[in-house]
Amino acid sequence: MKRFYLTAATIALAAALTACSPKTEGQNTAATEPASAPAAAPATPPPAPATSDMSKMGMAPAAPAAAKTGDSTGEITAIDPAAGTVTLKHEPIPGVGWPAMTMAFRASPPTSLAGLKVGDKVKFSVRIEGDSNTVTAISKL
C-alpha cells in the first residue's frame, strides 16, 4: 500500500512540475519529449526588469501617501521645548485612523509648546505625512 501512495505521489509531482515548467515559444514539450524524460529547466532565467524606471513596464512609481490630519485630546507626558517635541497620551484620532496611545510628536511651530507642562490636559491637531508626525496646534483644555 505504501508503494502505491509513493508511486501516485511521484506521478502527481512529475505532472505538476511539467505543467508549471516554462515553455519556449513554438515548442510543444509533450510532442518533442518522450513520456519518461523529466522536464528540462530553462538554461537561464529571463533578466529582471529595471526597477528604477517603472514607466518602461507601463507602471508609474508609487506616489507618496497623502498627508492625513486629525484632532484629539490627551495629556502631556513629556515635553522638550528645546527640541520642539511633545509626548502625548492621547485618545483615538479618527482623522488619521489611530487608536488611543502614547507617542512623541514634533511641534510646528516649536513655540506652540510655550506655557505647557507635563500633566496638562490638551486638545491638539496633527498632520501625518509618511513617517512625520507633527502637532500643528495644541492648547490646554
N, C-alpha and C. Protein backbone atom coordinates (compact mmCIF):
# COMPACT_ATOMS: atom_id res chain seq x y z
N MET A 1 0.82 -1.19 0.00
CA MET A 1 0.00 0.00 0.00
C MET A 1 0.86 1.26 0.00
N LYS A 2 1.98 1.23 0.77
CA LYS A 2 2.88 2.38 0.80
C LYS A 2 3.46 2.61 -0.59
N ARG A 3 3.77 1.56 -1.29
CA ARG A 3 4.35 1.67 -2.64
C ARG A 3 3.35 2.37 -3.57
N PHE A 4 2.06 2.05 -3.43
CA PHE A 4 1.04 2.67 -4.27
C PHE A 4 1.01 4.17 -4.03
N TYR A 5 0.99 4.61 -2.75
CA TYR A 5 0.96 6.03 -2.44
C TYR A 5 2.23 6.74 -2.90
N LEU A 6 3.36 6.10 -2.76
CA LEU A 6 4.62 6.68 -3.21
C LEU A 6 4.62 6.85 -4.71
N THR A 7 4.14 5.85 -5.44
CA THR A 7 4.08 5.93 -6.91
C THR A 7 3.09 7.02 -7.33
N ALA A 8 1.94 7.10 -6.69
CA ALA A 8 0.94 8.11 -7.03
C ALA A 8 1.48 9.51 -6.74
N ALA A 9 2.16 9.68 -5.63
CA ALA A 9 2.74 10.99 -5.29
C ALA A 9 3.81 11.39 -6.29
N THR A 10 4.62 10.43 -6.73
CA THR A 10 5.67 10.72 -7.70
C THR A 10 5.08 11.15 -9.03
N ILE A 11 4.04 10.47 -9.47
CA ILE A 11 3.38 10.83 -10.74
C ILE A 11 2.74 12.20 -10.63
N ALA A 12 2.08 12.48 -9.50
CA ALA A 12 1.46 13.79 -9.31
C ALA A 12 2.50 14.90 -9.29
N LEU A 13 3.64 14.66 -8.65
CA LEU A 13 4.71 15.66 -8.61
C LEU A 13 5.27 15.89 -10.00
N ALA A 14 5.48 14.84 -10.76
CA ALA A 14 6.00 14.97 -12.13
C ALA A 14 5.02 15.75 -13.00
N ALA A 15 3.73 15.46 -12.86
CA ALA A 15 2.72 16.18 -13.64
C ALA A 15 2.69 17.65 -13.26
N ALA A 16 2.79 17.95 -11.98
CA ALA A 16 2.77 19.35 -11.53
C ALA A 16 4.00 20.10 -12.04
N LEU A 17 5.16 19.48 -11.96
CA LEU A 17 6.38 20.12 -12.44
C LEU A 17 6.32 20.35 -13.94
N THR A 18 5.80 19.40 -14.70
CA THR A 18 5.69 19.55 -16.15
C THR A 18 4.72 20.66 -16.49
N ALA A 19 3.61 20.74 -15.79
CA ALA A 19 2.61 21.76 -16.06
C ALA A 19 3.13 23.15 -15.72
N CYS A 20 3.99 23.25 -14.73
CA CYS A 20 4.50 24.55 -14.28
C CYS A 20 5.79 24.97 -14.96
N SER A 21 6.43 24.08 -15.68
CA SER A 21 7.72 24.44 -16.29
C SER A 21 7.50 25.37 -17.47
N PRO A 22 8.41 26.36 -17.64
CA PRO A 22 8.26 27.31 -18.75
C PRO A 22 8.51 26.62 -20.08
N LYS A 23 7.78 27.08 -21.08
CA LYS A 23 7.95 26.54 -22.43
C LYS A 23 8.48 27.65 -23.32
N THR A 24 9.31 27.28 -24.26
CA THR A 24 9.79 28.26 -25.22
C THR A 24 8.73 28.43 -26.29
N GLU A 25 8.69 29.63 -26.86
CA GLU A 25 7.68 29.93 -27.86
C GLU A 25 7.76 28.94 -29.01
N GLY A 26 6.63 28.38 -29.39
CA GLY A 26 6.57 27.46 -30.51
C GLY A 26 6.97 26.04 -30.15
N GLN A 27 7.32 25.80 -28.90
CA GLN A 27 7.75 24.46 -28.50
C GLN A 27 6.62 23.77 -27.78
N ASN A 28 6.30 22.57 -28.19
CA ASN A 28 5.30 21.76 -27.52
C ASN A 28 6.06 20.63 -26.85
N THR A 29 6.24 20.70 -25.55
CA THR A 29 7.08 19.73 -24.85
C THR A 29 6.49 18.35 -24.87
N ALA A 30 5.18 18.24 -24.94
CA ALA A 30 4.55 16.92 -24.95
C ALA A 30 4.88 16.19 -26.25
N ALA A 31 4.98 16.91 -27.35
CA ALA A 31 5.24 16.27 -28.64
C ALA A 31 6.71 16.02 -28.86
N THR A 32 7.61 16.81 -28.25
CA THR A 32 9.03 16.68 -28.54
C THR A 32 9.79 15.84 -27.54
N GLU A 33 9.25 15.64 -26.35
CA GLU A 33 9.96 14.88 -25.34
C GLU A 33 9.28 13.53 -25.12
N PRO A 34 10.06 12.50 -24.93
CA PRO A 34 9.45 11.22 -24.61
C PRO A 34 8.77 11.29 -23.24
N ALA A 35 7.77 10.47 -23.04
CA ALA A 35 6.98 10.49 -21.81
C ALA A 35 7.82 10.23 -20.57
N SER A 36 8.90 9.49 -20.66
CA SER A 36 9.69 9.16 -19.49
C SER A 36 10.76 10.19 -19.17
N ALA A 37 11.02 11.15 -20.05
CA ALA A 37 12.07 12.14 -19.81
C ALA A 37 11.56 13.21 -18.85
N PRO A 38 12.39 13.61 -17.89
CA PRO A 38 11.97 14.68 -16.98
C PRO A 38 11.95 16.02 -17.71
N ALA A 39 11.16 16.94 -17.18
CA ALA A 39 11.07 18.28 -17.78
C ALA A 39 12.42 18.98 -17.62
N ALA A 40 12.89 19.62 -18.68
CA ALA A 40 14.17 20.31 -18.65
C ALA A 40 13.98 21.71 -18.10
N ALA A 41 14.90 22.15 -17.27
CA ALA A 41 14.85 23.51 -16.72
C ALA A 41 15.39 24.47 -17.76
N PRO A 42 14.90 25.70 -17.80
CA PRO A 42 15.43 26.67 -18.75
C PRO A 42 16.90 26.94 -18.45
N ALA A 43 17.68 27.22 -19.50
CA ALA A 43 19.11 27.43 -19.35
C ALA A 43 19.40 28.63 -18.45
N THR A 44 18.80 29.75 -18.70
CA THR A 44 18.97 30.94 -17.87
C THR A 44 17.63 31.64 -17.75
N PRO A 45 17.34 32.17 -16.58
CA PRO A 45 16.07 32.88 -16.42
C PRO A 45 16.12 34.20 -17.18
N PRO A 46 14.97 34.71 -17.58
CA PRO A 46 14.96 36.00 -18.27
C PRO A 46 15.43 37.10 -17.33
N PRO A 47 16.04 38.14 -17.86
CA PRO A 47 16.52 39.22 -16.99
C PRO A 47 15.35 39.94 -16.32
N ALA A 48 15.57 40.34 -15.09
CA ALA A 48 14.54 41.07 -14.35
C ALA A 48 14.45 42.48 -14.90
N PRO A 49 13.24 43.05 -14.96
CA PRO A 49 13.12 44.42 -15.45
C PRO A 49 13.77 45.39 -14.47
N ALA A 50 14.27 46.49 -15.00
CA ALA A 50 14.90 47.51 -14.15
C ALA A 50 13.82 48.14 -13.28
N THR A 51 14.06 48.18 -11.98
CA THR A 51 13.06 48.74 -11.09
C THR A 51 13.18 50.26 -11.00
N SER A 52 14.27 50.81 -11.47
CA SER A 52 14.44 52.25 -11.34
C SER A 52 13.58 53.02 -12.33
N ASP A 53 13.20 52.41 -13.44
CA ASP A 53 12.37 53.09 -14.41
C ASP A 53 11.12 52.26 -14.65
N MET A 54 10.14 52.42 -13.77
CA MET A 54 8.94 51.61 -13.85
C MET A 54 8.04 52.03 -15.01
N SER A 55 8.28 53.21 -15.59
CA SER A 55 7.47 53.64 -16.71
C SER A 55 7.65 52.73 -17.91
N LYS A 56 8.81 52.07 -18.03
CA LYS A 56 9.04 51.13 -19.13
C LYS A 56 8.17 49.89 -18.98
N MET A 57 7.71 49.61 -17.78
CA MET A 57 6.85 48.45 -17.54
C MET A 57 5.38 48.86 -17.59
N GLY A 58 5.11 50.10 -17.96
CA GLY A 58 3.74 50.56 -18.02
C GLY A 58 3.17 50.91 -16.66
N MET A 59 4.07 51.13 -15.68
CA MET A 59 3.63 51.46 -14.33
C MET A 59 4.35 52.72 -13.87
N ALA A 60 3.64 53.54 -13.16
CA ALA A 60 4.26 54.74 -12.60
C ALA A 60 4.77 54.39 -11.20
N PRO A 61 5.84 55.04 -10.75
CA PRO A 61 6.30 54.81 -9.38
C PRO A 61 5.20 55.18 -8.39
N ALA A 62 5.20 54.53 -7.26
CA ALA A 62 4.19 54.80 -6.24
C ALA A 62 4.31 56.24 -5.75
N ALA A 63 3.19 56.91 -5.71
CA ALA A 63 3.17 58.29 -5.22
C ALA A 63 3.24 58.27 -3.71
N PRO A 64 3.87 59.29 -3.12
CA PRO A 64 3.91 59.33 -1.66
C PRO A 64 2.49 59.41 -1.11
N ALA A 65 2.30 58.81 0.04
CA ALA A 65 0.98 58.83 0.67
C ALA A 65 0.57 60.26 0.99
N ALA A 66 -0.69 60.56 0.76
CA ALA A 66 -1.20 61.90 1.05
C ALA A 66 -1.19 62.12 2.55
N ALA A 67 -0.98 63.36 2.94
CA ALA A 67 -0.98 63.71 4.36
C ALA A 67 -2.38 63.55 4.93
N LYS A 68 -2.44 63.09 6.18
CA LYS A 68 -3.71 62.97 6.89
C LYS A 68 -3.68 63.93 8.06
N THR A 69 -4.84 64.45 8.39
CA THR A 69 -4.93 65.35 9.55
C THR A 69 -6.04 64.88 10.46
N GLY A 70 -5.92 65.24 11.73
CA GLY A 70 -6.95 64.87 12.69
C GLY A 70 -6.80 65.66 13.97
N ASP A 71 -7.83 65.56 14.80
CA ASP A 71 -7.87 66.27 16.08
C ASP A 71 -8.16 65.28 17.19
N SER A 72 -7.66 65.56 18.38
CA SER A 72 -7.92 64.70 19.53
C SER A 72 -7.63 65.47 20.80
N THR A 73 -7.74 64.75 21.91
CA THR A 73 -7.39 65.30 23.22
C THR A 73 -6.44 64.32 23.88
N GLY A 74 -5.72 64.82 24.88
CA GLY A 74 -4.79 63.95 25.59
C GLY A 74 -4.14 64.65 26.75
N GLU A 75 -3.11 63.99 27.25
CA GLU A 75 -2.35 64.51 28.39
C GLU A 75 -0.87 64.52 28.02
N ILE A 76 -0.18 65.60 28.35
CA ILE A 76 1.25 65.70 28.08
C ILE A 76 2.00 64.82 29.09
N THR A 77 2.80 63.87 28.59
CA THR A 77 3.59 63.01 29.47
C THR A 77 5.07 63.40 29.45
N ALA A 78 5.50 64.11 28.40
CA ALA A 78 6.88 64.62 28.32
C ALA A 78 6.87 65.79 27.36
N ILE A 79 7.77 66.72 27.61
CA ILE A 79 7.87 67.89 26.73
C ILE A 79 9.32 68.34 26.67
N ASP A 80 9.77 68.69 25.47
CA ASP A 80 11.13 69.19 25.27
C ASP A 80 11.05 70.41 24.37
N PRO A 81 10.86 71.59 24.97
CA PRO A 81 10.72 72.81 24.16
C PRO A 81 11.96 73.08 23.31
N ALA A 82 13.15 72.74 23.81
CA ALA A 82 14.38 72.99 23.05
C ALA A 82 14.40 72.14 21.77
N ALA A 83 13.95 70.90 21.84
CA ALA A 83 13.92 70.02 20.66
C ALA A 83 12.63 70.21 19.87
N GLY A 84 11.65 70.88 20.47
CA GLY A 84 10.38 71.09 19.78
C GLY A 84 9.54 69.83 19.69
N THR A 85 9.60 68.98 20.74
CA THR A 85 8.81 67.75 20.74
C THR A 85 7.94 67.67 21.99
N VAL A 86 6.83 66.95 21.84
CA VAL A 86 5.92 66.73 22.95
C VAL A 86 5.43 65.28 22.86
N THR A 87 5.36 64.62 24.02
CA THR A 87 4.83 63.26 24.08
C THR A 87 3.44 63.34 24.69
N LEU A 88 2.48 62.76 23.97
CA LEU A 88 1.09 62.82 24.39
C LEU A 88 0.51 61.43 24.60
N LYS A 89 -0.22 61.27 25.70
CA LYS A 89 -1.05 60.08 25.91
C LYS A 89 -2.42 60.54 25.41
N HIS A 90 -2.75 60.11 24.16
CA HIS A 90 -3.93 60.69 23.52
C HIS A 90 -5.06 59.69 23.30
N GLU A 91 -6.24 60.24 23.14
CA GLU A 91 -7.43 59.47 22.77
C GLU A 91 -7.32 59.10 21.29
N PRO A 92 -8.23 58.26 20.77
CA PRO A 92 -8.17 57.91 19.34
C PRO A 92 -8.20 59.18 18.46
N ILE A 93 -7.55 59.07 17.31
CA ILE A 93 -7.54 60.17 16.33
C ILE A 93 -8.20 59.63 15.06
N PRO A 94 -9.53 59.74 14.95
CA PRO A 94 -10.25 59.15 13.82
C PRO A 94 -9.79 59.67 12.46
N GLY A 95 -9.41 60.93 12.37
CA GLY A 95 -8.99 61.51 11.10
C GLY A 95 -7.79 60.82 10.47
N VAL A 96 -6.94 60.22 11.30
CA VAL A 96 -5.76 59.52 10.78
C VAL A 96 -5.85 58.01 11.01
N GLY A 97 -6.96 57.56 11.63
CA GLY A 97 -7.17 56.14 11.84
C GLY A 97 -6.32 55.53 12.95
N TRP A 98 -5.97 56.32 13.94
CA TRP A 98 -5.14 55.82 15.03
C TRP A 98 -5.96 55.56 16.28
N PRO A 99 -5.65 54.48 17.01
CA PRO A 99 -6.29 54.24 18.30
C PRO A 99 -5.63 55.10 19.37
N ALA A 100 -6.15 55.03 20.57
CA ALA A 100 -5.52 55.73 21.70
C ALA A 100 -4.15 55.12 21.96
N MET A 101 -3.17 55.97 22.24
CA MET A 101 -1.81 55.50 22.53
C MET A 101 -0.99 56.65 23.10
N THR A 102 0.25 56.37 23.46
CA THR A 102 1.18 57.39 23.91
C THR A 102 2.31 57.45 22.90
N MET A 103 2.59 58.64 22.39
CA MET A 103 3.67 58.79 21.41
C MET A 103 4.18 60.21 21.36
N ALA A 104 5.38 60.36 20.79
CA ALA A 104 6.02 61.67 20.67
C ALA A 104 5.67 62.29 19.32
N PHE A 105 5.53 63.60 19.32
CA PHE A 105 5.25 64.37 18.10
C PHE A 105 6.24 65.53 18.02
N ARG A 106 6.55 65.93 16.81
CA ARG A 106 7.28 67.17 16.58
C ARG A 106 6.24 68.28 16.62
N ALA A 107 6.55 69.41 17.18
CA ALA A 107 5.62 70.53 17.24
C ALA A 107 6.00 71.54 16.17
N SER A 108 5.00 72.00 15.42
CA SER A 108 5.25 73.00 14.39
C SER A 108 4.20 74.11 14.54
N PRO A 109 4.61 75.27 14.94
CA PRO A 109 5.96 75.70 15.29
C PRO A 109 6.31 75.26 16.71
N PRO A 110 7.60 75.11 16.98
CA PRO A 110 8.03 74.69 18.33
C PRO A 110 7.56 75.65 19.43
N THR A 111 7.35 76.90 19.06
CA THR A 111 6.91 77.89 20.05
C THR A 111 5.50 77.59 20.56
N SER A 112 4.75 76.71 19.86
CA SER A 112 3.40 76.39 20.31
C SER A 112 3.41 75.62 21.63
N LEU A 113 4.60 75.14 22.05
CA LEU A 113 4.72 74.41 23.31
C LEU A 113 4.92 75.34 24.51
N ALA A 114 5.11 76.64 24.26
CA ALA A 114 5.33 77.60 25.34
C ALA A 114 4.14 77.61 26.29
N GLY A 115 4.44 77.57 27.58
CA GLY A 115 3.40 77.63 28.60
C GLY A 115 2.78 76.28 28.93
N LEU A 116 3.18 75.21 28.24
CA LEU A 116 2.65 73.88 28.52
C LEU A 116 3.61 73.12 29.43
N LYS A 117 3.07 72.17 30.23
CA LYS A 117 3.93 71.37 31.10
C LYS A 117 3.37 69.95 31.19
N VAL A 118 4.21 69.04 31.70
CA VAL A 118 3.81 67.64 31.89
C VAL A 118 2.58 67.60 32.81
N GLY A 119 1.60 66.82 32.43
CA GLY A 119 0.36 66.69 33.20
C GLY A 119 -0.77 67.53 32.67
N ASP A 120 -0.49 68.52 31.79
CA ASP A 120 -1.55 69.34 31.23
C ASP A 120 -2.46 68.51 30.33
N LYS A 121 -3.77 68.71 30.46
CA LYS A 121 -4.75 68.12 29.55
C LYS A 121 -4.86 69.09 28.37
N VAL A 122 -4.76 68.53 27.15
CA VAL A 122 -4.73 69.40 25.96
C VAL A 122 -5.64 68.86 24.86
N LYS A 123 -6.00 69.77 23.96
CA LYS A 123 -6.60 69.39 22.70
C LYS A 123 -5.56 69.76 21.64
N PHE A 124 -5.50 68.97 20.57
CA PHE A 124 -4.44 69.20 19.58
C PHE A 124 -4.88 68.74 18.20
N SER A 125 -4.18 69.24 17.20
CA SER A 125 -4.37 68.83 15.81
C SER A 125 -3.05 68.25 15.32
N VAL A 126 -3.14 67.20 14.49
CA VAL A 126 -1.94 66.57 13.97
C VAL A 126 -1.99 66.49 12.45
N ARG A 127 -0.79 66.41 11.89
CA ARG A 127 -0.62 66.18 10.45
C ARG A 127 0.34 65.01 10.34
N ILE A 128 -0.11 63.94 9.66
CA ILE A 128 0.69 62.73 9.50
C ILE A 128 1.02 62.62 8.02
N GLU A 129 2.31 62.62 7.71
CA GLU A 129 2.76 62.51 6.32
C GLU A 129 3.98 61.60 6.29
N GLY A 130 3.79 60.40 5.75
CA GLY A 130 4.87 59.42 5.75
C GLY A 130 5.22 59.06 7.18
N ASP A 131 6.49 59.21 7.54
CA ASP A 131 6.94 58.92 8.90
C ASP A 131 6.95 60.15 9.79
N SER A 132 6.46 61.26 9.28
CA SER A 132 6.48 62.51 10.03
C SER A 132 5.15 62.73 10.74
N ASN A 133 5.20 62.83 12.08
CA ASN A 133 4.03 63.07 12.91
C ASN A 133 4.19 64.43 13.56
N THR A 134 3.36 65.39 13.18
CA THR A 134 3.53 66.75 13.64
C THR A 134 2.26 67.28 14.30
N VAL A 135 2.44 67.86 15.49
CA VAL A 135 1.34 68.59 16.14
C VAL A 135 1.35 69.98 15.52
N THR A 136 0.24 70.34 14.88
CA THR A 136 0.17 71.65 14.22
C THR A 136 -0.52 72.69 15.08
N ALA A 137 -1.26 72.26 16.10
CA ALA A 137 -1.89 73.17 17.06
C ALA A 137 -2.10 72.41 18.36
N ILE A 138 -1.88 73.11 19.47
CA ILE A 138 -2.06 72.47 20.78
C ILE A 138 -2.43 73.56 21.79
N SER A 139 -3.42 73.25 22.65
CA SER A 139 -3.82 74.20 23.69
C SER A 139 -4.38 73.44 24.89
N LYS A 140 -4.29 74.08 26.05
CA LYS A 140 -4.82 73.48 27.29
C LYS A 140 -6.34 73.40 27.20
N LEU A 141 -6.88 72.36 27.84
CA LEU A 141 -8.35 72.22 27.94
C LEU A 141 -8.86 73.04 29.09
